[in-house]
N, C-alpha and C. Protein backbone atom coordinates (compact mmCIF):
# COMPACT_ATOMS: atom_id res chain seq x y z
N MET A 1 44.45 162.08 158.61
CA MET A 1 44.29 160.90 159.43
C MET A 1 42.92 160.29 159.12
N ARG A 2 42.88 158.99 159.01
CA ARG A 2 41.63 158.31 158.69
C ARG A 2 40.76 158.20 159.94
N PRO A 3 39.44 158.36 159.80
CA PRO A 3 38.55 158.25 160.95
C PRO A 3 38.61 156.88 161.62
N SER A 4 38.97 155.84 160.89
CA SER A 4 39.00 154.51 161.50
C SER A 4 40.08 154.40 162.57
N ARG A 5 41.05 155.28 162.56
CA ARG A 5 42.12 155.23 163.56
C ARG A 5 41.72 155.91 164.87
N TRP A 6 40.99 157.01 164.81
CA TRP A 6 40.68 157.73 166.04
C TRP A 6 39.27 157.50 166.53
N ALA A 7 38.35 157.04 165.70
CA ALA A 7 36.97 156.83 166.13
C ALA A 7 36.83 155.83 167.27
N PRO A 8 37.58 154.68 167.26
CA PRO A 8 37.42 153.77 168.40
C PRO A 8 37.84 154.37 169.73
N SER A 9 38.77 155.30 169.71
CA SER A 9 39.20 155.89 170.98
C SER A 9 38.17 156.86 171.54
N LEU A 10 37.24 157.32 170.73
CA LEU A 10 36.21 158.23 171.21
C LEU A 10 35.00 157.50 171.78
N ARG A 11 34.83 156.24 171.46
CA ARG A 11 33.65 155.51 171.90
C ARG A 11 33.46 155.50 173.41
N PRO A 12 34.48 155.20 174.20
CA PRO A 12 34.24 155.18 175.65
C PRO A 12 33.83 156.54 176.19
N LEU A 13 34.27 157.62 175.57
CA LEU A 13 33.92 158.95 176.06
C LEU A 13 32.51 159.35 175.62
N ALA A 14 32.11 158.93 174.45
CA ALA A 14 30.82 159.36 173.92
C ALA A 14 29.67 158.46 174.36
N PHE A 15 29.95 157.24 174.77
CA PHE A 15 28.89 156.31 175.10
C PHE A 15 27.97 156.81 176.21
N PRO A 16 28.49 157.27 177.37
CA PRO A 16 27.57 157.78 178.40
C PRO A 16 26.80 159.00 177.94
N ALA A 17 27.41 159.85 177.14
CA ALA A 17 26.71 161.04 176.65
C ALA A 17 25.54 160.65 175.77
N VAL A 18 25.73 159.66 174.94
CA VAL A 18 24.65 159.20 174.07
C VAL A 18 23.54 158.59 174.89
N ILE A 19 23.89 157.79 175.90
CA ILE A 19 22.87 157.16 176.75
C ILE A 19 22.05 158.23 177.47
N LEU A 20 22.71 159.22 178.05
CA LEU A 20 21.99 160.22 178.84
C LEU A 20 21.18 161.18 177.98
N THR A 21 21.62 161.44 176.76
CA THR A 21 20.89 162.38 175.93
C THR A 21 19.87 161.72 175.03
N CYS A 22 20.14 160.50 174.58
CA CYS A 22 19.23 159.83 173.64
C CYS A 22 18.48 158.66 174.25
N GLY A 23 18.82 158.28 175.46
CA GLY A 23 18.19 157.12 176.07
C GLY A 23 16.76 157.40 176.50
N PRO A 24 16.02 156.33 176.78
CA PRO A 24 14.63 156.51 177.24
C PRO A 24 14.60 157.15 178.63
N PRO A 25 13.50 157.82 178.96
CA PRO A 25 13.40 158.47 180.28
C PRO A 25 13.58 157.50 181.45
N SER A 26 13.12 156.26 181.30
CA SER A 26 13.26 155.31 182.41
C SER A 26 14.72 155.01 182.70
N LEU A 27 15.57 154.98 181.67
CA LEU A 27 16.99 154.76 181.88
C LEU A 27 17.61 155.93 182.63
N LYS A 28 17.21 157.13 182.28
CA LYS A 28 17.71 158.32 182.97
C LYS A 28 17.31 158.28 184.45
N GLU A 29 16.08 157.88 184.73
CA GLU A 29 15.60 157.81 186.11
C GLU A 29 16.38 156.77 186.90
N ILE A 30 16.66 155.63 186.28
CA ILE A 30 17.44 154.59 186.95
C ILE A 30 18.84 155.10 187.26
N LEU A 31 19.46 155.78 186.30
CA LEU A 31 20.81 156.31 186.51
C LEU A 31 20.83 157.36 187.61
N VAL A 32 19.79 158.19 187.71
CA VAL A 32 19.73 159.19 188.78
C VAL A 32 19.62 158.50 190.13
N VAL A 33 18.82 157.45 190.22
CA VAL A 33 18.71 156.70 191.49
C VAL A 33 20.05 156.07 191.84
N LEU A 34 20.74 155.51 190.84
CA LEU A 34 22.04 154.90 191.10
C LEU A 34 23.10 155.91 191.52
N MET A 35 22.89 157.19 191.19
CA MET A 35 23.83 158.23 191.62
C MET A 35 23.94 158.26 193.15
N PHE A 36 22.84 158.00 193.82
CA PHE A 36 22.82 158.13 195.27
C PHE A 36 23.45 156.93 195.97
N ILE A 37 23.43 155.79 195.33
CA ILE A 37 24.05 154.62 195.95
C ILE A 37 25.55 154.80 195.96
N GLY A 38 26.07 155.36 194.90
CA GLY A 38 27.48 155.69 194.88
C GLY A 38 28.36 154.48 194.70
N ALA A 39 29.27 154.27 195.59
CA ALA A 39 30.28 153.24 195.42
C ALA A 39 30.29 152.31 196.63
N CYS A 40 31.25 151.43 196.62
CA CYS A 40 31.41 150.50 197.74
C CYS A 40 32.17 151.20 198.87
N ALA A 41 32.12 150.60 200.05
CA ALA A 41 32.82 151.16 201.20
C ALA A 41 34.32 151.23 200.90
N GLY A 42 34.95 152.30 201.31
CA GLY A 42 36.37 152.49 201.09
C GLY A 42 36.71 153.12 199.76
N SER A 43 35.72 153.29 198.89
CA SER A 43 35.95 153.90 197.59
C SER A 43 36.00 155.42 197.71
N THR A 44 36.67 156.06 196.77
CA THR A 44 36.71 157.52 196.78
C THR A 44 35.48 158.10 196.11
N GLY A 45 34.63 157.26 195.57
CA GLY A 45 33.38 157.74 194.99
C GLY A 45 32.47 158.27 196.09
N GLY A 46 31.66 159.24 195.75
CA GLY A 46 30.78 159.83 196.74
C GLY A 46 29.50 159.03 196.90
N GLY A 47 28.49 159.67 197.38
CA GLY A 47 27.21 159.00 197.58
C GLY A 47 27.10 158.41 198.96
N ILE A 48 25.98 157.81 199.21
CA ILE A 48 25.73 157.25 200.53
C ILE A 48 26.49 155.94 200.70
N LYS A 49 26.83 155.26 199.67
CA LYS A 49 27.58 154.01 199.62
C LYS A 49 26.67 152.82 199.89
N VAL A 50 27.00 151.72 199.27
CA VAL A 50 26.21 150.50 199.34
C VAL A 50 26.13 149.99 200.77
N SER A 51 27.25 150.00 201.48
CA SER A 51 27.26 149.46 202.85
C SER A 51 26.34 150.24 203.78
N ARG A 52 26.24 151.54 203.59
CA ARG A 52 25.34 152.34 204.43
C ARG A 52 23.88 152.03 204.11
N PHE A 53 23.58 151.82 202.82
CA PHE A 53 22.21 151.42 202.46
C PHE A 53 21.87 150.07 203.07
N LEU A 54 22.81 149.12 203.04
CA LEU A 54 22.57 147.82 203.66
C LEU A 54 22.35 147.96 205.15
N LEU A 55 23.16 148.77 205.79
CA LEU A 55 23.03 148.98 207.23
C LEU A 55 21.69 149.63 207.56
N LEU A 56 21.27 150.60 206.76
CA LEU A 56 19.97 151.23 206.98
C LEU A 56 18.84 150.22 206.81
N GLY A 57 18.96 149.35 205.81
CA GLY A 57 17.95 148.33 205.60
C GLY A 57 17.87 147.35 206.75
N LYS A 58 19.03 146.93 207.26
CA LYS A 58 19.07 146.01 208.41
C LYS A 58 18.48 146.68 209.65
N THR A 59 18.80 147.94 209.85
CA THR A 59 18.27 148.67 211.00
C THR A 59 16.76 148.84 210.88
N LEU A 60 16.28 149.14 209.69
CA LEU A 60 14.84 149.27 209.46
C LEU A 60 14.13 147.95 209.74
N GLY A 61 14.71 146.85 209.27
CA GLY A 61 14.13 145.53 209.55
C GLY A 61 14.08 145.23 211.03
N LYS A 62 15.14 145.57 211.75
CA LYS A 62 15.19 145.37 213.20
C LYS A 62 14.10 146.18 213.90
N GLU A 63 13.95 147.44 213.51
CA GLU A 63 12.95 148.31 214.13
C GLU A 63 11.53 147.84 213.83
N LEU A 64 11.30 147.36 212.61
CA LEU A 64 9.97 146.84 212.27
C LEU A 64 9.64 145.58 213.06
N LYS A 65 10.63 144.68 213.26
CA LYS A 65 10.41 143.49 214.09
C LYS A 65 10.06 143.89 215.51
N GLN A 66 10.78 144.87 216.05
CA GLN A 66 10.51 145.30 217.42
C GLN A 66 9.18 146.02 217.53
N ALA A 67 8.72 146.66 216.47
CA ALA A 67 7.42 147.31 216.50
C ALA A 67 6.30 146.26 216.51
N LEU A 68 6.51 145.16 215.78
CA LEU A 68 5.51 144.09 215.76
C LEU A 68 5.53 143.26 217.04
N HIS A 69 6.72 143.01 217.55
CA HIS A 69 6.89 142.17 218.74
C HIS A 69 7.78 142.92 219.73
N PRO A 70 7.19 143.76 220.58
CA PRO A 70 8.00 144.60 221.49
C PRO A 70 8.85 143.81 222.48
N GLN A 71 8.48 142.58 222.78
CA GLN A 71 9.24 141.79 223.76
C GLN A 71 10.47 141.11 223.16
N VAL A 72 10.54 141.05 221.85
CA VAL A 72 11.63 140.34 221.18
C VAL A 72 12.85 141.25 221.08
N VAL A 73 13.99 140.66 221.40
CA VAL A 73 15.26 141.37 221.21
C VAL A 73 15.81 140.91 219.86
N ALA A 74 15.85 141.82 218.90
CA ALA A 74 16.29 141.48 217.54
C ALA A 74 17.50 142.34 217.18
N PRO A 75 18.69 141.84 217.47
CA PRO A 75 19.87 142.65 217.12
C PRO A 75 20.10 142.67 215.62
N ALA A 76 20.60 143.78 215.14
CA ALA A 76 20.93 143.90 213.72
C ALA A 76 22.29 143.27 213.48
N ARG A 77 22.38 142.50 212.39
CA ARG A 77 23.63 141.83 212.04
C ARG A 77 24.00 142.19 210.61
N MET A 78 25.30 142.24 210.40
CA MET A 78 25.81 142.45 209.05
C MET A 78 27.03 141.56 208.88
N ASP A 79 27.03 140.73 207.87
CA ASP A 79 28.08 139.74 207.64
C ASP A 79 28.24 138.82 208.85
N GLY A 80 27.15 138.51 209.50
CA GLY A 80 27.17 137.60 210.64
C GLY A 80 27.64 138.24 211.94
N LYS A 81 27.99 139.50 211.91
CA LYS A 81 28.47 140.19 213.12
C LYS A 81 27.40 141.13 213.63
N LEU A 82 27.33 141.26 214.94
CA LEU A 82 26.39 142.20 215.54
C LEU A 82 26.82 143.64 215.23
N LEU A 83 25.86 144.46 214.92
CA LEU A 83 26.14 145.88 214.70
C LEU A 83 25.98 146.61 216.02
N ASN A 84 27.00 147.30 216.42
CA ASN A 84 26.89 148.04 217.69
C ASN A 84 26.10 149.34 217.49
N HIS A 85 25.65 149.86 218.58
CA HIS A 85 24.81 151.06 218.54
C HIS A 85 25.55 152.25 217.93
N GLU A 86 26.83 152.36 218.19
CA GLU A 86 27.62 153.49 217.67
C GLU A 86 27.66 153.49 216.14
N THR A 87 27.81 152.32 215.54
CA THR A 87 27.84 152.22 214.09
C THR A 87 26.50 152.62 213.49
N ILE A 88 25.42 152.14 214.09
CA ILE A 88 24.08 152.49 213.61
C ILE A 88 23.83 153.98 213.77
N ARG A 89 24.23 154.53 214.90
CA ARG A 89 24.01 155.96 215.16
C ARG A 89 24.79 156.82 214.17
N THR A 90 26.06 156.52 213.94
CA THR A 90 26.84 157.35 213.02
C THR A 90 26.32 157.24 211.59
N THR A 91 25.84 156.06 211.21
CA THR A 91 25.25 155.91 209.88
C THR A 91 23.98 156.75 209.76
N ASN A 92 23.14 156.71 210.78
CA ASN A 92 21.91 157.51 210.75
C ASN A 92 22.22 159.01 210.72
N VAL A 93 23.21 159.44 211.48
CA VAL A 93 23.60 160.86 211.49
C VAL A 93 24.18 161.24 210.13
N PHE A 94 24.98 160.37 209.54
CA PHE A 94 25.54 160.65 208.22
C PHE A 94 24.42 160.84 207.20
N VAL A 95 23.45 159.93 207.18
CA VAL A 95 22.36 160.03 206.21
C VAL A 95 21.53 161.29 206.45
N ALA A 96 21.30 161.63 207.73
CA ALA A 96 20.56 162.86 208.03
C ALA A 96 21.34 164.09 207.55
N ALA A 97 22.65 164.12 207.78
CA ALA A 97 23.48 165.24 207.32
C ALA A 97 23.50 165.29 205.79
N TYR A 98 23.56 164.13 205.16
CA TYR A 98 23.55 164.07 203.69
C TYR A 98 22.25 164.66 203.14
N ILE A 99 21.13 164.24 203.71
CA ILE A 99 19.83 164.74 203.25
C ILE A 99 19.71 166.23 203.49
N PHE A 100 20.19 166.72 204.64
CA PHE A 100 20.15 168.15 204.94
C PHE A 100 20.99 168.94 203.94
N ILE A 101 22.21 168.49 203.68
CA ILE A 101 23.09 169.20 202.74
C ILE A 101 22.50 169.16 201.34
N PHE A 102 21.95 168.02 200.94
CA PHE A 102 21.34 167.91 199.62
C PHE A 102 20.17 168.87 199.49
N ALA A 103 19.29 168.89 200.50
CA ALA A 103 18.11 169.77 200.44
C ALA A 103 18.52 171.24 200.44
N ALA A 104 19.48 171.61 201.29
CA ALA A 104 19.93 173.00 201.34
C ALA A 104 20.59 173.41 200.02
N SER A 105 21.41 172.53 199.47
CA SER A 105 22.07 172.83 198.20
C SER A 105 21.05 172.94 197.08
N PHE A 106 20.08 172.04 197.07
CA PHE A 106 19.04 172.07 196.04
C PHE A 106 18.25 173.38 196.13
N PHE A 107 17.93 173.81 197.35
CA PHE A 107 17.21 175.07 197.52
C PHE A 107 18.04 176.25 197.01
N LEU A 108 19.31 176.29 197.39
CA LEU A 108 20.17 177.40 196.98
C LEU A 108 20.40 177.40 195.46
N ILE A 109 20.56 176.24 194.87
CA ILE A 109 20.76 176.15 193.43
C ILE A 109 19.47 176.53 192.70
N SER A 110 18.33 176.24 193.30
CA SER A 110 17.03 176.56 192.68
C SER A 110 16.84 178.06 192.53
N LEU A 111 17.52 178.85 193.33
CA LEU A 111 17.43 180.30 193.22
C LEU A 111 18.04 180.79 191.90
N ASN A 112 18.78 179.92 191.24
CA ASN A 112 19.42 180.26 189.97
C ASN A 112 18.43 180.37 188.82
N GLY A 113 17.26 179.73 188.96
CA GLY A 113 16.22 179.86 187.95
C GLY A 113 16.16 178.76 186.90
N PHE A 114 16.95 177.70 187.04
CA PHE A 114 16.89 176.61 186.08
C PHE A 114 15.77 175.64 186.46
N ASP A 115 15.50 174.68 185.56
CA ASP A 115 14.44 173.71 185.83
C ASP A 115 14.85 172.74 186.93
N MET A 116 13.87 172.01 187.45
CA MET A 116 14.10 171.14 188.60
C MET A 116 15.05 169.99 188.26
N VAL A 117 14.98 169.44 187.06
CA VAL A 117 15.86 168.33 186.68
C VAL A 117 17.32 168.80 186.67
N THR A 118 17.57 169.97 186.11
CA THR A 118 18.93 170.52 186.09
C THR A 118 19.44 170.73 187.50
N ASN A 119 18.64 171.37 188.34
CA ASN A 119 19.07 171.65 189.72
C ASN A 119 19.29 170.37 190.52
N PHE A 120 18.34 169.46 190.44
CA PHE A 120 18.43 168.22 191.22
C PHE A 120 19.64 167.39 190.81
N THR A 121 19.82 167.20 189.50
CA THR A 121 20.93 166.36 189.06
C THR A 121 22.28 167.06 189.18
N ALA A 122 22.29 168.38 189.15
CA ALA A 122 23.56 169.09 189.37
C ALA A 122 24.04 168.87 190.80
N VAL A 123 23.13 168.98 191.76
CA VAL A 123 23.49 168.73 193.15
C VAL A 123 23.83 167.26 193.35
N ALA A 124 23.05 166.36 192.75
CA ALA A 124 23.33 164.93 192.88
C ALA A 124 24.68 164.58 192.27
N ALA A 125 25.00 165.15 191.12
CA ALA A 125 26.26 164.85 190.45
C ALA A 125 27.46 165.34 191.26
N THR A 126 27.33 166.51 191.86
CA THR A 126 28.47 167.06 192.61
C THR A 126 28.59 166.43 193.99
N LEU A 127 27.49 166.28 194.71
CA LEU A 127 27.56 165.72 196.06
C LEU A 127 27.92 164.24 196.02
N ASN A 128 27.50 163.55 194.98
CA ASN A 128 27.82 162.12 194.86
C ASN A 128 29.10 161.86 194.09
N ASN A 129 29.68 162.93 193.53
CA ASN A 129 30.98 162.83 192.86
C ASN A 129 30.94 161.82 191.72
N ILE A 130 29.94 161.94 190.84
CA ILE A 130 29.77 160.93 189.81
C ILE A 130 29.91 161.47 188.39
N GLY A 131 30.01 162.74 188.20
CA GLY A 131 30.17 163.27 186.84
C GLY A 131 29.00 164.13 186.42
N PRO A 132 28.48 163.91 185.21
CA PRO A 132 27.44 164.80 184.70
C PRO A 132 26.07 164.53 185.30
N GLY A 133 25.24 165.58 185.25
CA GLY A 133 23.85 165.44 185.64
C GLY A 133 23.01 165.31 184.38
N LEU A 134 21.85 165.95 184.38
CA LEU A 134 20.98 165.94 183.21
C LEU A 134 20.64 167.37 182.82
N GLU A 135 20.07 167.53 181.66
CA GLU A 135 19.64 168.82 181.12
C GLU A 135 20.81 169.80 181.02
N MET A 136 20.73 170.96 181.69
CA MET A 136 21.77 171.99 181.59
C MET A 136 23.08 171.58 182.25
N ALA A 137 23.04 170.59 183.13
CA ALA A 137 24.25 170.07 183.77
C ALA A 137 24.60 168.71 183.21
N GLY A 138 24.10 168.41 182.01
CA GLY A 138 24.27 167.11 181.41
C GLY A 138 25.63 166.90 180.76
N PRO A 139 25.81 165.76 180.13
CA PRO A 139 27.11 165.42 179.56
C PRO A 139 27.50 166.28 178.37
N MET A 140 26.54 166.88 177.71
CA MET A 140 26.85 167.74 176.57
C MET A 140 26.92 169.21 176.98
N GLN A 141 26.76 169.50 178.25
CA GLN A 141 26.80 170.86 178.80
C GLN A 141 27.90 170.93 179.85
N ASN A 142 27.94 172.02 180.58
CA ASN A 142 28.85 172.12 181.71
C ASN A 142 28.20 172.98 182.79
N PHE A 143 28.90 173.23 183.85
CA PHE A 143 28.35 173.99 184.96
C PHE A 143 28.60 175.49 184.80
N GLY A 144 29.08 175.91 183.65
CA GLY A 144 29.36 177.31 183.40
C GLY A 144 28.13 178.19 183.36
N CYS A 145 26.97 177.60 183.13
CA CYS A 145 25.74 178.39 183.06
C CYS A 145 25.24 178.83 184.44
N PHE A 146 25.77 178.23 185.50
CA PHE A 146 25.33 178.59 186.85
C PHE A 146 26.01 179.88 187.30
N ALA A 147 25.30 180.65 188.11
CA ALA A 147 25.86 181.88 188.67
C ALA A 147 26.98 181.54 189.66
N ASP A 148 27.82 182.52 189.94
CA ASP A 148 28.95 182.27 190.84
C ASP A 148 28.55 181.78 192.23
N PRO A 149 27.52 182.34 192.88
CA PRO A 149 27.13 181.79 194.19
C PRO A 149 26.68 180.33 194.09
N ALA A 150 26.00 179.98 193.00
CA ALA A 150 25.59 178.58 192.80
C ALA A 150 26.81 177.69 192.59
N LYS A 151 27.80 178.20 191.89
CA LYS A 151 29.04 177.43 191.70
C LYS A 151 29.74 177.19 193.03
N LEU A 152 29.69 178.16 193.94
CA LEU A 152 30.30 177.96 195.26
C LEU A 152 29.59 176.84 196.02
N VAL A 153 28.27 176.79 195.92
CA VAL A 153 27.51 175.72 196.56
C VAL A 153 27.91 174.38 195.94
N LEU A 154 28.03 174.33 194.63
CA LEU A 154 28.40 173.09 193.96
C LEU A 154 29.84 172.69 194.28
N ILE A 155 30.72 173.66 194.46
CA ILE A 155 32.10 173.36 194.87
C ILE A 155 32.11 172.73 196.25
N PHE A 156 31.33 173.30 197.18
CA PHE A 156 31.22 172.70 198.50
C PHE A 156 30.70 171.27 198.40
N ASP A 157 29.68 171.06 197.57
CA ASP A 157 29.12 169.72 197.40
C ASP A 157 30.16 168.76 196.84
N MET A 158 30.96 169.23 195.88
CA MET A 158 32.00 168.36 195.31
C MET A 158 33.01 167.96 196.37
N LEU A 159 33.43 168.92 197.17
CA LEU A 159 34.39 168.61 198.23
C LEU A 159 33.78 167.69 199.29
N ALA A 160 32.54 167.94 199.65
CA ALA A 160 31.87 167.09 200.65
C ALA A 160 31.67 165.68 200.10
N GLY A 161 31.40 165.56 198.82
CA GLY A 161 31.24 164.25 198.23
C GLY A 161 32.55 163.49 198.13
N ARG A 162 33.62 164.19 197.87
CA ARG A 162 34.92 163.54 197.70
C ARG A 162 35.59 163.25 199.04
N LEU A 163 35.52 164.19 199.96
CA LEU A 163 36.22 164.05 201.23
C LEU A 163 35.35 163.50 202.36
N GLU A 164 34.11 163.25 202.08
CA GLU A 164 33.09 162.83 203.04
C GLU A 164 32.50 164.07 203.71
N ILE A 165 31.33 163.90 204.23
CA ILE A 165 30.55 165.03 204.75
C ILE A 165 31.07 165.51 206.10
N PHE A 166 31.37 164.58 207.00
CA PHE A 166 31.78 164.99 208.35
C PHE A 166 33.03 165.87 208.37
N PRO A 167 34.10 165.54 207.63
CA PRO A 167 35.26 166.44 207.64
C PRO A 167 34.95 167.84 207.12
N MET A 168 34.06 167.92 206.13
CA MET A 168 33.70 169.25 205.62
C MET A 168 32.90 170.04 206.64
N LEU A 169 32.01 169.38 207.36
CA LEU A 169 31.22 170.07 208.37
C LEU A 169 32.07 170.48 209.57
N VAL A 170 33.08 169.67 209.89
CA VAL A 170 33.98 170.00 210.99
C VAL A 170 34.73 171.29 210.71
N LEU A 171 35.01 171.57 209.45
CA LEU A 171 35.70 172.81 209.09
C LEU A 171 34.91 174.06 209.48
N PHE A 172 33.59 173.93 209.58
CA PHE A 172 32.75 175.07 209.90
C PHE A 172 32.45 175.20 211.38
N MET A 173 33.00 174.33 212.19
CA MET A 173 32.80 174.42 213.64
C MET A 173 33.84 175.38 214.23
N PRO A 174 33.41 176.27 215.12
CA PRO A 174 34.36 177.23 215.71
C PRO A 174 35.50 176.56 216.48
N ASP A 175 35.25 175.42 217.09
CA ASP A 175 36.30 174.74 217.86
C ASP A 175 37.47 174.31 216.97
N THR A 176 37.21 174.11 215.71
CA THR A 176 38.27 173.69 214.79
C THR A 176 39.31 174.79 214.63
N TRP A 177 38.91 176.03 214.71
CA TRP A 177 39.80 177.14 214.43
C TRP A 177 40.35 177.82 215.68
N ARG A 178 40.00 177.32 216.86
CA ARG A 178 40.55 177.90 218.08
C ARG A 178 41.97 177.40 218.30
N ARG A 179 42.77 178.24 218.86
CA ARG A 179 44.13 177.85 219.19
C ARG A 179 44.13 177.05 220.47
N PHE A 180 44.99 176.06 220.50
CA PHE A 180 45.09 175.21 221.69
C PHE A 180 46.14 175.74 222.62
């Protein structure tokens, strides 16, 4: 078979690997930051999602206005609609749970003995459900180098990233397993 027939079909698969392995460090840093933004609302992609970042930004702006002018009532709006307190609260709790799970996973994976870039991007890749990380968890490697307990942590992160964090945490609550 001539290479001209199968080489074009390999380009889409090899392009991200070439970027992550041969690209400049600033490109890698940008891609790692974009891992956390994830996808749009309603997508099966993991991460914090764009809408949650927007909501956090609007809430931060509201709080800063109230800190400067305590007498002013500055409701947070998104798409011209008022954001209710419940939406803001659940978003804040989600981000706090996300940060806690990320930090705990990063700590547990760090016990494996790999460098910080490998550990950080392995957790980011699995919790955000985006694919490869960098270094030992990069596109030219796999997660086989991690010890079995570290793989269990990464499996939990993959499930939490795909199914959302709250359903995974609910599984660990004793009330979930009690008989009614």
